[in-house]
């Protein structure tokens, strides 16, 4: 079953999202300082890694522990907190409780805050190395702000000199269905009868956001299985058999 929520909760404003170049970082920090001082808002800073990596391909990707130390020097006089998955549960809960109680102005974190965090006073999010996150994960992360009546902002910083086109698309919409459809077109659906999670297969599909088509397909499948509960069709059996062989071969 599928439900589509096309309207925002009452009283909330659309989150303004921007892809920010590295040359604008200082300006962004200056603006954030003013916003905290003016409206006493709180800020999330999301990093892809917990600690710096020695791998060459990840050397330019920001890590939460390192960024925490750098931002303490940048935002002197403000309270900063650090949160990541390697911390003990009691430590994580303490940090989150302090953030909720407005004892922390800026929370530097990994994606552990992706779901289940509701702090209406947090109205600004910085995502470092935004190209390292998938669109669905960025959508979940962005949802940590904009949970109150105040205007919220999400700033996407890329580790690359030329940000990926998908970040530009992400900045232009808050619609999760549109993001999913864009991701589907860019990465491919994978193999529904196999284990590949991306890529393009030989079958052709209409839009996966076509709710009416999905409902008709669901009804047709239910009727088919009612008539043939053992799925004894030679074509279907062959596809399911191939799936089992592929899975065994790749496990």
Protein backbone atom coordinates (compact mmCIF):
# COMPACT_ATOMS: atom_id res chain seq x y z
CA UNK A 1 0.00 0.00 0.00
CA UNK A 2 1.14 3.56 -0.62
CA UNK A 3 0.11 6.83 1.01
CA UNK A 4 1.17 10.22 -0.36
CA UNK A 5 1.34 13.24 1.95
CA UNK A 6 1.25 16.20 -0.39
CA UNK A 7 0.91 18.95 2.22
CA UNK A 8 3.17 20.05 5.06
CA UNK A 9 2.06 19.95 8.71
CA UNK A 10 0.15 23.07 9.72
CA UNK A 11 2.29 26.04 10.72
CA UNK A 12 5.52 24.88 9.08
CA UNK A 13 7.42 26.71 6.36
CA UNK A 14 9.26 25.10 3.42
CA UNK A 15 12.96 24.58 4.17
CA UNK A 16 15.20 26.76 2.00
CA UNK A 17 18.03 24.65 0.61
CA UNK A 18 21.24 25.93 -0.99
CA UNK A 19 24.29 24.34 -2.61
CA UNK A 20 27.12 26.47 -1.19
CA UNK A 21 30.61 26.76 -2.67
CA UNK A 22 33.70 26.64 -0.46
CA UNK A 23 34.39 30.30 -1.25
CA UNK A 24 31.18 31.22 0.59
CA UNK A 25 32.01 29.27 3.76
CA UNK A 26 33.17 32.31 5.76
CA UNK A 27 30.03 34.21 4.76
CA UNK A 28 27.90 31.25 5.83
CA UNK A 29 29.59 31.09 9.25
CA UNK A 30 29.13 34.84 9.75
CA UNK A 31 25.43 34.55 8.93
CA UNK A 32 25.01 31.58 11.30
CA UNK A 33 26.62 33.50 14.16
CA UNK A 34 24.20 36.38 13.61
CA UNK A 35 21.20 34.03 13.48
CA UNK A 36 22.19 32.35 16.76
CA UNK A 37 22.75 35.68 18.49
CA UNK A 38 19.57 37.24 17.09
CA UNK A 39 17.02 34.45 17.45
CA UNK A 40 18.76 31.94 19.77
CA UNK A 41 18.29 29.20 17.17
CA UNK A 42 20.31 25.95 17.05
CA UNK A 43 22.35 24.38 14.28
CA UNK A 44 23.15 20.89 13.01
CA UNK A 45 26.48 20.29 11.24
CA UNK A 46 26.47 16.89 9.54
CA UNK A 47 29.71 15.13 8.49
CA UNK A 48 30.03 11.90 6.45
CA UNK A 49 32.79 10.40 8.64
CA UNK A 50 33.40 9.99 12.37
CA UNK A 51 37.18 10.32 12.11
CA UNK A 52 39.55 11.41 9.35
CA UNK A 53 40.42 8.71 6.84
CA UNK A 54 43.92 7.94 5.60
CA UNK A 55 42.46 6.71 2.33
CA UNK A 56 43.45 9.10 -0.45
CA UNK A 57 39.95 9.22 -1.96
CA UNK A 58 38.49 10.28 1.41
CA UNK A 59 41.25 12.65 2.50
CA UNK A 60 39.17 15.73 1.63
CA UNK A 61 35.99 14.46 3.30
CA UNK A 62 35.22 16.14 6.61
CA UNK A 63 35.07 14.05 9.79
CA UNK A 64 32.87 14.93 12.77
CA UNK A 65 35.62 14.72 15.40
CA UNK A 66 37.98 16.99 13.46
CA UNK A 67 35.26 19.42 12.41
CA UNK A 68 34.12 19.70 16.02
CA UNK A 69 37.56 20.95 17.07
CA UNK A 70 37.78 23.38 14.14
CA UNK A 71 34.33 24.83 14.74
CA UNK A 72 35.04 25.40 18.42
CA UNK A 73 37.71 27.86 17.28
CA UNK A 74 35.41 29.39 14.67
CA UNK A 75 32.40 29.85 16.96
CA UNK A 76 34.09 31.13 20.11
CA UNK A 77 31.62 31.89 22.89
CA UNK A 78 29.05 29.36 21.67
CA UNK A 79 28.44 25.88 23.05
CA UNK A 80 29.19 23.01 20.68
CA UNK A 81 28.38 19.33 21.04
CA UNK A 82 29.67 16.21 19.28
CA UNK A 83 27.57 13.16 18.38
CA UNK A 84 28.47 10.02 16.44
CA UNK A 85 27.78 6.30 16.29
CA UNK A 86 30.94 5.24 18.13
CA UNK A 87 29.79 6.90 21.33
CA UNK A 88 28.13 4.88 24.08
CA UNK A 89 24.31 5.10 24.22
CA UNK A 90 24.38 7.00 27.51
CA UNK A 91 26.80 9.56 26.00
CA UNK A 92 24.62 10.04 22.92
CA UNK A 93 21.48 10.45 25.01
CA UNK A 94 23.20 13.03 27.23
CA UNK A 95 24.27 15.11 24.23
CA UNK A 96 20.80 14.97 22.68
CA UNK A 97 19.17 15.92 25.98
CA UNK A 98 21.48 18.93 26.25
CA UNK A 99 20.68 19.92 22.66
CA UNK A 100 16.94 19.67 23.35
CA UNK A 101 17.40 21.76 26.49
CA UNK A 102 19.15 24.44 24.37
CA UNK A 103 22.41 24.02 26.28
CA UNK A 104 24.17 23.31 22.96
CA UNK A 105 24.09 25.88 20.15
CA UNK A 106 25.75 23.82 17.42
CA UNK A 107 25.65 20.02 17.24
CA UNK A 108 28.35 18.43 15.07
CA UNK A 109 27.16 14.97 14.15
CA UNK A 110 27.29 12.11 11.70
CA UNK A 111 24.10 10.77 10.12
CA UNK A 112 23.01 9.19 13.44
CA UNK A 113 20.48 12.05 13.71
CA UNK A 114 18.87 10.99 10.42
CA UNK A 115 15.61 9.86 12.04
CA UNK A 116 13.80 10.17 15.34
CA UNK A 117 15.15 13.59 16.33
CA UNK A 118 12.59 16.35 16.85
CA UNK A 119 14.07 19.69 17.93
CA UNK A 120 11.89 22.56 16.65
CA UNK A 121 14.43 25.21 17.72
CA UNK A 122 17.05 23.78 15.32
CA UNK A 123 16.51 25.79 12.14
CA UNK A 124 19.84 25.57 10.30
CA UNK A 125 21.61 22.49 8.97
CA UNK A 126 25.00 22.32 7.30
CA UNK A 127 25.75 19.11 5.41
CA UNK A 128 29.46 18.62 4.73
CA UNK A 129 30.51 16.39 1.85
CA UNK A 130 26.90 16.38 0.69
CA UNK A 131 27.75 14.35 -2.41
CA UNK A 132 28.66 11.46 -0.09
CA UNK A 133 25.03 11.04 0.93
CA UNK A 134 22.22 9.53 -1.15
CA UNK A 135 19.19 11.64 -1.98
CA UNK A 136 16.94 9.71 0.39
CA UNK A 137 19.42 10.17 3.23
CA UNK A 138 19.78 13.88 2.48
CA UNK A 139 15.99 14.14 2.51
CA UNK A 140 15.84 12.48 5.94
CA UNK A 141 18.64 14.64 7.30
CA UNK A 142 17.07 17.85 6.03
CA UNK A 143 13.91 16.82 7.85
CA UNK A 144 15.67 17.39 11.19
CA UNK A 145 15.15 21.13 10.66
CA UNK A 146 11.94 22.90 9.70
CA UNK A 147 10.04 21.22 12.52
CA UNK A 148 8.79 24.45 14.06
CA UNK A 149 7.13 27.62 12.80
CA UNK A 150 10.39 29.51 12.12
CA UNK A 151 12.02 29.62 8.69
CA UNK A 152 14.67 26.90 8.33
CA UNK A 153 17.68 26.58 6.04
CA UNK A 154 19.82 23.69 4.78
CA UNK A 155 23.30 24.43 3.38
CA UNK A 156 24.95 21.76 1.25
CA UNK A 157 28.74 21.88 1.01
CA UNK A 158 30.46 19.59 -1.49
CA UNK A 159 33.97 18.14 -1.26
CA UNK A 160 34.20 18.50 -5.04
CA UNK A 161 34.94 21.73 -6.88
CA UNK A 162 31.95 21.05 -9.13
CA UNK A 163 28.94 19.84 -7.07
CA UNK A 164 26.95 16.91 -8.46
CA UNK A 165 23.83 17.86 -10.49
CA UNK A 166 21.67 15.84 -8.11
CA UNK A 167 22.52 18.27 -5.30
CA UNK A 168 21.15 21.10 -7.42
CA UNK A 169 17.98 19.09 -8.02
CA UNK A 170 17.71 18.29 -4.30
CA UNK A 171 17.94 21.98 -3.44
CA UNK A 172 14.97 22.74 -5.68
CA UNK A 173 12.39 20.38 -4.19
CA UNK A 174 11.12 19.14 -0.83
CA UNK A 175 8.98 16.45 -2.46
CA UNK A 176 10.24 13.01 -1.44
CA UNK A 177 8.40 11.35 -4.33
CA UNK A 178 10.09 13.61 -6.89
CA UNK A 179 13.47 12.89 -5.29
CA UNK A 180 12.81 9.15 -5.42
CA UNK A 181 11.77 9.35 -9.06
CA UNK A 182 14.88 11.39 -9.96
CA UNK A 183 17.09 8.89 -8.13
CA UNK A 184 15.38 6.05 -9.96
CA UNK A 185 16.04 7.65 -13.34
CA UNK A 186 19.67 8.40 -12.49
CA UNK A 187 20.68 5.12 -10.82
CA UNK A 188 18.18 2.70 -12.30
CA UNK A 189 15.78 0.40 -10.43
CA UNK A 190 18.15 -2.53 -10.10
CA UNK A 191 16.76 -6.02 -10.61
CA UNK A 192 13.37 -6.62 -9.02
CA UNK A 193 13.83 -10.36 -9.48
CA UNK A 194 17.47 -10.25 -8.37
CA UNK A 195 19.65 -8.63 -5.74
CA UNK A 196 21.12 -5.68 -7.65
CA UNK A 197 20.07 -2.47 -5.89
CA UNK A 198 20.84 -0.14 -8.78
CA UNK A 199 21.49 -0.23 -12.51
CA UNK A 200 19.22 -0.68 -15.50
CA UNK A 201 17.60 -3.95 -16.54
CA UNK A 202 15.88 -5.09 -19.71
CA UNK A 203 12.32 -4.44 -18.52
CA UNK A 204 10.60 -1.11 -19.16
CA UNK A 205 8.55 0.60 -16.46
CA UNK A 206 6.19 3.52 -16.37
CA UNK A 207 6.73 6.15 -13.70
CA UNK A 208 7.04 4.68 -10.21
CA UNK A 209 5.24 7.77 -8.93
CA UNK A 210 2.14 6.83 -10.94
CA UNK A 211 -0.07 5.97 -7.96
CA UNK A 212 -2.99 4.81 -10.09
CA UNK A 213 -0.78 2.40 -12.04
CA UNK A 214 0.70 1.01 -8.83
CA UNK A 215 -2.78 0.40 -7.41
CA UNK A 216 -3.93 -1.32 -10.62
CA UNK A 217 -0.79 -3.46 -10.63
CA UNK A 218 -1.29 -4.43 -7.00
CA UNK A 219 -4.87 -5.50 -7.73
CA UNK A 220 -3.76 -7.49 -10.79
CA UNK A 221 -1.07 -9.30 -8.78
CA UNK A 222 -3.56 -10.17 -6.03
CA UNK A 223 -6.00 -11.58 -8.60
CA UNK A 224 -3.21 -13.52 -10.31
CA UNK A 225 -2.02 -15.09 -7.05
CA UNK A 226 -5.59 -15.95 -6.11
CA UNK A 227 -5.92 -17.86 -9.39
CA UNK A 228 -2.41 -19.36 -9.20
CA UNK A 229 -1.26 -19.34 -5.53
CA UNK A 230 1.68 -21.63 -6.30
CA UNK A 231 2.97 -19.26 -8.99
CA UNK A 232 3.24 -22.21 -11.35
CA UNK A 233 3.46 -20.10 -14.52
CA UNK A 234 6.49 -21.24 -16.52
CA UNK A 235 7.65 -17.66 -17.12
CA UNK A 236 7.32 -16.64 -13.47
CA UNK A 237 8.91 -19.87 -12.25
CA UNK A 238 11.86 -19.33 -14.56
CA UNK A 239 12.42 -15.78 -13.28
CA UNK A 240 12.11 -16.81 -9.63
CA UNK A 241 14.46 -19.73 -10.24
CA UNK A 242 17.05 -17.41 -11.79
CA UNK A 243 16.77 -15.13 -8.76
CA UNK A 244 17.55 -18.03 -6.41
CA UNK A 245 20.57 -19.08 -8.49
CA UNK A 246 21.92 -15.50 -8.65
CA UNK A 247 21.48 -15.08 -4.92
CA UNK A 248 23.30 -18.33 -4.12
CA UNK A 249 26.13 -17.41 -6.52
CA UNK A 250 26.64 -13.98 -4.96
CA UNK A 251 26.21 -14.89 -1.27
